[in-house]
Protein backbone atom coordinates (compact mmCIF):
# COMPACT_ATOMS: atom_id res chain seq x y z
CA MET A 1 -0.15 -0.09 0.09
CA ASN A 2 1.18 3.49 -0.73
CA PRO A 3 2.21 4.96 2.57
CA ASP A 4 0.61 8.39 1.65
CA SER A 5 -2.82 6.66 1.22
CA ARG A 6 -2.94 5.52 4.92
CA GLU A 7 -2.43 9.17 6.23
CA PRO A 8 -5.51 10.76 7.72
CA ARG A 9 -6.70 13.29 5.23
CA ARG A 10 -10.24 14.39 6.19
CA ARG A 11 -10.53 17.47 8.34
CA PRO A 12 -12.14 16.71 11.71
CA THR A 13 -15.58 17.70 12.53
CA LEU A 14 -16.08 20.46 15.20
CA PRO A 15 -16.29 19.01 18.84
CA GLN A 16 -19.36 19.63 20.91
CA PRO A 17 -19.14 22.73 23.20
CA ARG A 18 -18.64 22.49 26.83
CA GLY A 19 -19.80 25.92 28.00
CA ASP A 20 -20.72 29.37 26.90
CA ILE A 21 -17.27 30.33 25.50
CA SER A 22 -16.62 27.22 23.62
CA HIS A 23 -20.29 27.51 22.27
CA HIS A 24 -19.60 30.97 20.98
CA VAL A 25 -16.51 29.77 19.24
CA ILE A 26 -17.96 26.69 17.53
CA ASP A 27 -21.11 28.65 16.61
CA ALA A 28 -18.89 31.30 14.94
CA LEU A 29 -16.91 28.68 13.03
CA ARG A 30 -20.03 27.02 11.97
CA GLY A 31 -21.43 30.43 10.64
CA ALA A 32 -24.33 30.06 12.91
CA THR A 33 -23.44 33.54 14.44
CA THR A 34 -21.15 36.35 13.84
CA THR A 35 -17.49 36.05 15.39
CA PRO A 36 -17.67 36.67 19.08
CA SER A 37 -17.00 40.20 20.56
CA ILE A 38 -16.13 39.56 24.06
CA GLY A 39 -14.47 42.45 26.12
CA SER A 40 -13.46 40.19 28.91
CA LEU A 41 -13.82 36.84 30.17
CA PRO A 42 -16.24 36.05 33.17
CA ARG A 43 -14.34 35.70 36.40
CA SER A 44 -15.85 32.25 36.64
CA THR A 45 -14.08 30.96 33.67
CA ALA A 46 -11.83 28.27 35.01
CA PRO A 47 -8.20 28.49 33.36
CA TYR A 48 -7.88 24.67 33.37
CA GLY A 49 -11.60 23.93 32.85
CA ASP A 50 -13.38 22.24 29.88
CA ASP A 51 -14.76 25.33 28.52
CA LEU A 52 -11.73 27.43 28.30
CA GLN A 53 -9.41 24.51 27.06
CA LEU A 54 -11.92 23.27 24.35
CA ALA A 55 -12.30 26.84 23.14
CA LEU A 56 -8.44 27.40 23.05
CA TYR A 57 -8.00 23.92 21.43
CA VAL A 58 -10.55 24.80 18.67
CA LEU A 59 -8.94 28.20 17.97
CA TYR A 60 -5.58 26.69 17.76
CA GLU A 61 -6.57 23.85 15.48
CA MET A 62 -7.42 26.60 12.90
CA HIS A 63 -3.70 26.95 12.46
CA TYR A 64 -3.10 23.29 11.87
CA GLN A 65 -5.73 21.10 10.02
CA GLY A 66 -8.79 23.28 10.59
CA PHE A 67 -12.29 21.72 10.58
CA ALA A 68 -14.77 20.30 8.16
CA GLY A 69 -17.04 23.01 6.73
CA VAL A 70 -15.06 25.86 8.20
CA GLY A 71 -13.64 28.38 5.83
CA ASP A 72 -9.94 28.87 5.77
CA ALA A 73 -10.20 32.70 6.05
CA LEU A 74 -11.54 32.36 9.66
CA GLU A 75 -7.97 31.30 10.79
CA TRP A 76 -7.20 34.98 10.79
CA ASP A 77 -10.73 36.35 11.85
CA ALA A 78 -9.96 39.43 14.24
CA GLY A 79 -12.85 38.72 16.56
CA LEU A 80 -11.69 35.03 16.96
CA LEU A 81 -8.03 36.15 17.53
CA ALA A 82 -8.94 38.64 20.10
CA LEU A 83 -11.01 36.00 22.02
CA ARG A 84 -8.06 33.59 21.77
CA ALA A 85 -5.77 36.32 23.32
CA LEU A 86 -8.05 36.60 26.26
CA LEU A 87 -8.28 32.94 26.73
CA GLU A 88 -4.53 32.52 26.51
CA GLU A 89 -3.97 35.26 28.98
CA ARG A 90 -6.23 33.48 31.40
CA PHE A 91 -4.60 30.04 30.92
CA HIS A 92 -0.93 31.57 30.97
CA SER A 93 -1.52 33.71 33.93
CA ALA A 94 -2.69 30.75 35.86
CA LEU A 95 0.27 28.75 34.84
CA ARG A 96 2.74 31.47 36.03
CA ALA A 97 0.87 31.63 39.24
CA ASP A 98 0.96 27.89 39.83
CA VAL A 99 4.45 26.97 38.53
CA PRO A 100 7.41 27.81 40.71
CA SER A 101 9.75 30.46 38.87
CA GLN A 102 13.36 29.77 38.64
CA SER A 103 16.03 31.33 36.38
CA ASP A 104 18.29 28.28 35.82
CA ALA A 105 17.03 26.22 32.71
CA ARG A 106 19.56 23.34 33.38
CA ALA A 107 18.42 23.08 37.02
CA ALA A 108 14.79 22.92 35.87
CA LEU A 109 15.81 19.96 33.51
CA ALA A 110 17.96 18.14 36.04
CA PRO A 111 15.33 16.18 37.88
CA LEU A 112 13.92 14.96 34.78
CA LEU A 113 17.30 13.06 33.92
CA LEU A 114 16.91 10.81 37.01
CA GLU A 115 15.04 7.74 36.74
CA PRO A 116 13.23 6.41 39.82
CA ALA A 117 15.06 3.27 41.52
CA GLY A 118 11.79 1.44 41.51
CA HIS A 119 8.13 1.63 40.61
CA ASP A 120 6.89 5.30 40.83
CA GLU A 121 3.14 5.17 41.95
CA SER A 122 2.68 8.75 40.50
CA SER A 123 3.71 7.82 37.05
CA VAL A 124 1.29 7.01 34.27
CA THR A 125 3.83 4.84 32.23
CA HIS A 126 4.97 3.04 35.33
CA PHE A 127 1.24 2.10 36.15
CA LEU A 128 0.71 0.92 32.57
CA GLN A 129 3.89 -0.90 32.45
CA ARG A 130 3.05 -3.07 35.52
CA ASP A 131 -0.78 -3.00 36.08
CA GLY A 132 -2.47 -1.30 32.75
CA THR A 133 -5.05 -3.18 30.93
CA ALA A 134 -5.35 -3.40 27.15
CA GLU A 135 -8.32 -1.12 27.50
CA GLN A 136 -6.42 1.50 29.52
CA LEU A 137 -3.62 1.55 27.03
CA ARG A 138 -6.24 2.25 24.21
CA GLU A 139 -7.63 5.02 26.29
CA TYR A 140 -4.19 6.48 26.67
CA ALA A 141 -3.40 6.08 22.85
CA ALA A 142 -6.79 7.96 22.26
CA LEU A 143 -5.92 10.81 24.27
CA ARG A 144 -2.28 11.21 23.14
CA SER A 145 -3.60 11.04 19.53
CA LEU A 146 -4.56 14.66 19.78
CA TYR A 147 -0.86 15.39 19.77
CA HIS A 148 0.85 12.44 18.11
CA LEU A 149 -1.30 12.64 14.98
CA LYS A 150 0.47 16.08 14.52
CA GLU A 151 3.59 15.14 16.31
CA ALA A 152 6.47 17.67 16.01
CA ASP A 153 4.09 20.17 14.08
CA PRO A 154 3.80 22.58 17.02
CA HIS A 155 7.64 22.64 17.74
CA VAL A 156 8.40 23.60 14.15
CA TRP A 157 7.04 27.19 14.94
CA VAL A 158 10.38 27.83 16.87
CA ILE A 159 12.70 26.97 13.89
CA PRO A 160 12.57 30.36 12.20
CA ARG A 161 13.14 31.98 15.63
CA LEU A 162 16.23 30.11 16.37
CA ARG A 163 19.84 30.86 15.13
CA GLY A 164 23.08 28.93 14.99
CA ARG A 165 23.70 25.78 17.02
CA ALA A 166 19.95 26.05 18.38
CA LYS A 167 18.45 26.10 14.92
CA ALA A 168 20.82 23.32 13.56
CA GLY A 169 20.04 20.93 16.48
CA MET A 170 16.38 21.64 16.37
CA VAL A 171 16.13 20.88 12.64
CA ALA A 172 18.31 17.65 12.98
CA ILE A 173 15.73 16.34 15.56
CA GLU A 174 12.67 17.34 13.59
CA PHE A 175 13.97 15.72 10.42
CA ASP A 176 13.83 12.37 12.49
CA GLU A 177 10.48 13.28 13.69
CA PHE A 178 9.19 13.83 10.07
CA GLY A 179 10.52 10.37 8.87
CA ALA A 180 14.00 11.44 7.62
CA GLY A 181 12.62 11.90 4.08
CA ARG A 182 10.33 8.61 4.23
CA PRO A 183 6.69 9.23 4.53
CA GLU A 184 6.00 5.94 6.06
CA ASN A 185 8.41 6.67 8.87
CA ILE A 186 6.81 10.16 9.87
CA HIS A 187 6.07 9.77 13.58
CA ALA A 188 2.50 10.83 13.17
CA GLN A 189 2.04 7.96 10.64
CA LEU A 190 3.79 5.45 13.15
CA PHE A 191 1.17 6.55 15.75
CA ALA A 192 -1.66 6.07 13.28
CA ASP A 193 -0.34 2.59 12.65
CA LEU A 194 -0.15 2.06 16.51
CA MET A 195 -3.92 3.28 16.73
CA THR A 196 -4.93 0.82 13.82
CA ASP A 197 -3.34 -2.05 15.77
CA LEU A 198 -5.25 -1.15 18.78
CA GLY A 199 -8.61 -0.85 16.93
CA LEU A 200 -8.78 3.01 17.36
CA ASN A 201 -10.04 5.65 14.87
CA THR A 202 -7.09 7.30 13.19
CA ASP A 203 -8.99 10.34 12.06
CA TYR A 204 -7.04 13.47 12.94
CA GLY A 205 -8.69 14.94 16.14
CA HIS A 206 -11.42 12.28 16.32
CA TYR A 207 -11.06 11.87 20.05
CA ALA A 208 -11.31 15.70 20.96
CA ASP A 209 -14.80 15.05 22.39
CA ALA A 210 -13.67 12.32 24.43
CA ALA A 211 -10.65 14.11 25.93
CA PRO A 212 -10.88 15.78 29.43
CA ALA A 213 -9.72 19.36 29.87
CA GLN A 214 -6.47 17.96 31.54
CA ALA A 215 -5.48 16.22 28.24
CA LEU A 216 -6.53 19.39 26.06
CA ALA A 217 -4.27 21.49 28.27
CA THR A 218 -1.24 19.40 27.53
CA VAL A 219 -1.85 19.91 23.80
CA ASN A 220 -2.78 23.68 24.05
CA ILE A 221 0.39 24.48 25.84
CA MET A 222 2.45 23.57 22.78
CA SER A 223 0.49 25.93 20.55
CA LEU A 224 0.48 28.67 23.09
CA PHE A 225 4.27 28.62 23.25
CA GLY A 226 4.64 27.89 19.56
CA LEU A 227 2.57 30.58 18.04
CA HIS A 228 4.14 33.34 20.25
CA ARG A 229 7.77 34.40 19.11
CA ALA A 230 8.02 36.00 22.62
CA LEU A 231 7.62 32.50 24.07
CA ARG A 232 10.24 30.88 22.08
CA GLY A 233 12.35 30.10 25.06
CA ALA A 234 9.29 28.31 26.81
CA LEU A 235 8.64 26.33 23.69
CA VAL A 236 12.42 25.23 23.76
CA GLY A 237 11.70 24.24 27.42
CA HIS A 238 8.61 22.23 26.47
CA PHE A 239 10.47 20.55 23.67
CA ALA A 240 13.35 19.46 25.95
CA THR A 241 11.06 18.12 28.39
CA VAL A 242 9.43 16.06 25.96
CA GLU A 243 12.57 14.61 24.54
CA VAL A 244 14.36 14.00 27.89
CA THR A 245 11.51 12.08 29.31
CA SER A 246 10.54 10.43 26.20
CA SER A 247 12.94 7.35 26.02
CA PRO A 248 12.35 5.83 29.43
CA GLY A 249 8.68 6.40 29.21
CA SER A 250 8.54 4.97 25.79
CA ARG A 251 10.33 1.81 26.86
CA ARG A 252 7.95 1.29 29.69
CA LEU A 253 4.86 1.84 27.19
CA ALA A 254 6.36 -0.61 24.58
CA GLU A 255 6.64 -3.35 27.44
CA ALA A 256 3.01 -2.64 28.56
CA LEU A 257 1.82 -3.08 25.04
CA ARG A 258 3.69 -6.36 24.67
CA ARG A 259 2.45 -7.57 27.98
CA THR A 260 -1.12 -6.87 26.93
CA GLY A 261 -0.75 -8.66 23.47
CA ALA A 262 -0.60 -5.66 21.17
CA GLY A 263 0.83 -6.16 17.65
CA ALA A 264 4.08 -5.21 16.09
CA ALA A 265 2.85 -1.76 14.68
CA ALA A 266 1.76 -0.77 18.17
CA THR A 267 5.09 -1.50 19.95
CA HIS A 268 7.08 -0.10 17.03
CA PHE A 269 5.98 3.45 17.76
CA TYR A 270 7.41 3.38 21.25
CA ASP A 271 10.40 1.16 20.26
CA GLU A 272 11.22 3.77 17.69
CA HIS A 273 11.16 6.48 20.27
CA VAL A 274 13.32 4.43 22.86
CA GLU A 275 16.20 4.55 20.33
CA ALA A 276 15.66 7.80 18.68
CA ASP A 277 14.87 10.13 21.67
CA ALA A 278 17.82 8.82 23.45
CA VAL A 279 19.86 10.51 20.96
CA HIS A 280 17.39 13.47 20.63
CA GLU A 281 17.88 14.11 24.60
CA GLN A 282 21.51 14.69 24.09
CA VAL A 283 21.09 16.93 20.91
CA VAL A 284 18.35 18.93 22.58
CA ARG A 285 20.17 19.68 25.96
CA ARG A 286 23.59 20.29 24.46
CA GLU A 287 22.73 22.04 21.09
CA VAL A 288 19.10 23.44 21.24
CA VAL A 289 19.01 24.56 24.93
CA GLY A 290 22.63 25.01 25.15
CA GLY A 291 22.75 27.02 21.78
CA LEU A 292 19.82 29.10 22.68
CA LEU A 293 21.15 30.09 26.07
CA SER A 294 24.48 30.84 24.51
CA ASP A 295 22.94 33.03 21.97
CA GLU A 296 20.29 34.65 24.22
CA PRO A 297 21.11 33.94 27.90
CA ALA A 298 18.15 36.27 29.00
CA LEU A 299 15.81 33.58 27.93
CA ALA A 300 16.90 31.02 30.65
CA PRO A 301 13.80 31.78 32.93
CA ASP A 302 11.51 31.32 29.85
CA VAL A 303 13.20 27.87 29.01
CA ALA A 304 12.85 26.85 32.75
CA HIS A 305 9.21 28.03 32.73
CA GLY A 306 8.43 25.79 29.59
CA VAL A 307 9.95 22.82 31.53
CA GLU A 308 8.01 23.59 34.70
CA ALA A 309 4.70 24.24 33.01
CA THR A 310 4.93 21.12 30.92
CA VAL A 311 5.76 19.00 34.15
CA PHE A 312 2.77 20.57 36.13
CA LEU A 313 0.28 19.94 33.19
CA GLU A 314 1.49 16.41 32.58
CA GLU A 315 1.04 15.73 36.44
CA ARG A 316 -2.40 17.01 36.47
CA LEU A 317 -3.31 14.75 33.50
CA GLY A 318 -1.55 11.86 35.28
CA SER A 319 -3.52 12.42 38.39
CA HIS A 320 -6.75 12.41 36.38
CA LEU A 321 -5.78 9.13 34.55
CA LEU A 322 -4.62 7.19 37.71
CA GLY A 323 -7.41 8.22 39.56
CA ALA A 324 -10.01 7.04 37.17
CA TRP A 325 -8.18 3.81 36.42
CA ARG A 326 -7.43 2.81 40.15
CA ASN A 327 -11.13 3.35 40.68
CA GLY A 328 -12.28 1.01 37.71
CA ARG A 329 -13.49 4.02 35.61
CA SER A 330 -12.77 5.22 32.20
CA ALA A 331 -10.52 8.33 32.03
CA LEU A 332 -12.45 9.56 28.84
CA ARG A 333 -15.45 11.78 28.89
CA THR A 334 -16.92 9.22 26.56
CA PRO A 335 -15.67 5.66 26.92
CA LEU A 336 -14.33 3.84 23.92
CA ASP A 337 -16.34 1.16 22.02
CA PRO A 338 -14.87 -2.09 23.19
CA ALA A 339 -16.22 -3.60 20.04
CA SER A 340 -13.50 -1.82 17.94
CA ALA A 341 -10.79 -3.23 19.91
CA ARG A 342 -8.24 -5.52 18.24
CA LEU A 343 -8.66 -9.00 19.42
CA MET A 344 -6.08 -9.82 22.21
CA PRO A 345 -5.54 -12.96 24.28
CA PRO A 346 -8.48 -13.44 26.72
CA ASP A 347 -6.41 -13.17 29.69
CA THR A 348 -5.18 -9.66 28.79
CA LYS A 349 -8.78 -8.06 27.94
CA ALA A 350 -9.57 -5.05 29.98
């Protein structure tokens, strides 16, 4: 089969609103109303809540694939961009208040380089490696698909804003992420193959309605940092966090998938990341972070902020996932259809 023919091509449908703000945004994109004109957000708008995070997610997606039936010109609609700025300010102000501030980017990264000596009860990947069921792994893949089906795309925004070592290192890593010239090896395609193996829908953005606010926030932060040149240091911090933690986490997820009877396509995605990201971790720390701080030392606090904000949001998502799974509940807003699951050995079924 031609690899290109397997890539998701259809634009996603607009998700269902979760409150007044997301309702305004989605109605405007559907053409049901004029674009919203909101001078300020209600004080009750929760920065990490479903309504704000879904509205941000939808507005950001206009800069990626867009949505079925939504005109491309609305990507730059002044009213929508003004509303997005208000949502971003509420979200980012909360992050700055909730995340400890420090000026040393390398110190912020240092704890991430240390692997726990044993089982980490607070870690999603440790849980999935030892105790996760096939259905919980499917839920995890469905949530992560909101990023992995556009893997590396948000980080590309930073490339024209870097120079010298940082730019060269970033491009080298992204070249691998985009398949090193081979479309079948694009990491987004490898994740689509994983989803097919697990009986999941591979359409881009398909699981947005099922994703809780905690999951949307981990995707939105990439676009927040990526779309603002002033936050280029924070995006580098986010990228460094992803690359530094990817290899050991991927190893645990590959083991979890093998233990639950997943096929070769599912395990290949994480096996690839174990090897590739072990190299990427060195490049991102020495060349991307090191090069940026050598070139623009004043951005060190921003890089640290990117690291710490990413960890904070991932921990919030992890608490949500583990809380649901340990209590025998789905972590999704809408549970997956078990009938679509790939057949696995009876003793490994969720």
